[in-house]
Amino acid sequence: MKNQEDVIIVCGEICSGKDTFCGTIAKTHRQIVVSDIVRSVSGKRSRSELSDTADLDKEIAGEILKEIRRSLDYIPYEKVVINGIRQSSILVAVKRECALKEHTYNSIWLDVDRETLNARWESRAHKKDDLPFKDAIAKDNKLGLKVVKKLITAHGTIIKKTKKTTK
């Protein structure tokens, strides 16, 4: 990937490597972390609370769009990478903004097998992760992550990570 787009949207399930992937792009793009915006808008901190914010989609989208405008519409111009959209309505709002402003964009889905995701979840010790892995996945799907995946895999880029097998 050449990172030529004005906006790169990176999505995936919990522990799919979004932070790591976005960290590599952050050399050429300013990173907008959606969970930071959700925390700011909702005042919530833990995973169980953050995943109960579907009623705040418009406010969350509005804050993301402000951050995009702050980077792309003013000097100095900075390209943007958005880390972790989980609601389809927010993804659609970002894509609409890019189209209206004629900003180039790409959406990326990081596709990682469930066993690897679960192992990563178990190995990290974030205080915010107050749910079992299966419950965290279920809450993300309730927010709309499955729809986000469908939208991105239909028209975006898929980066697939499969588990390594040994013989």
Foldseek 3Di string as FASTA:
>chain_A
DPLPFLEEEEAEAAQLCLVVVVVVSCVQAPEDELLVLLCVVPVDFALVVSLPCLVCLVVSLVVVVVVSCVQPVDPPHGRYYYTHDLAPVSVVSVVVSCVVVVTGYAYEYRAEDPVNNQVSVVPDDDPRHPDRPVVSRVSSVVRPNVVVVVVRVVPHHYHYDYDDDDD
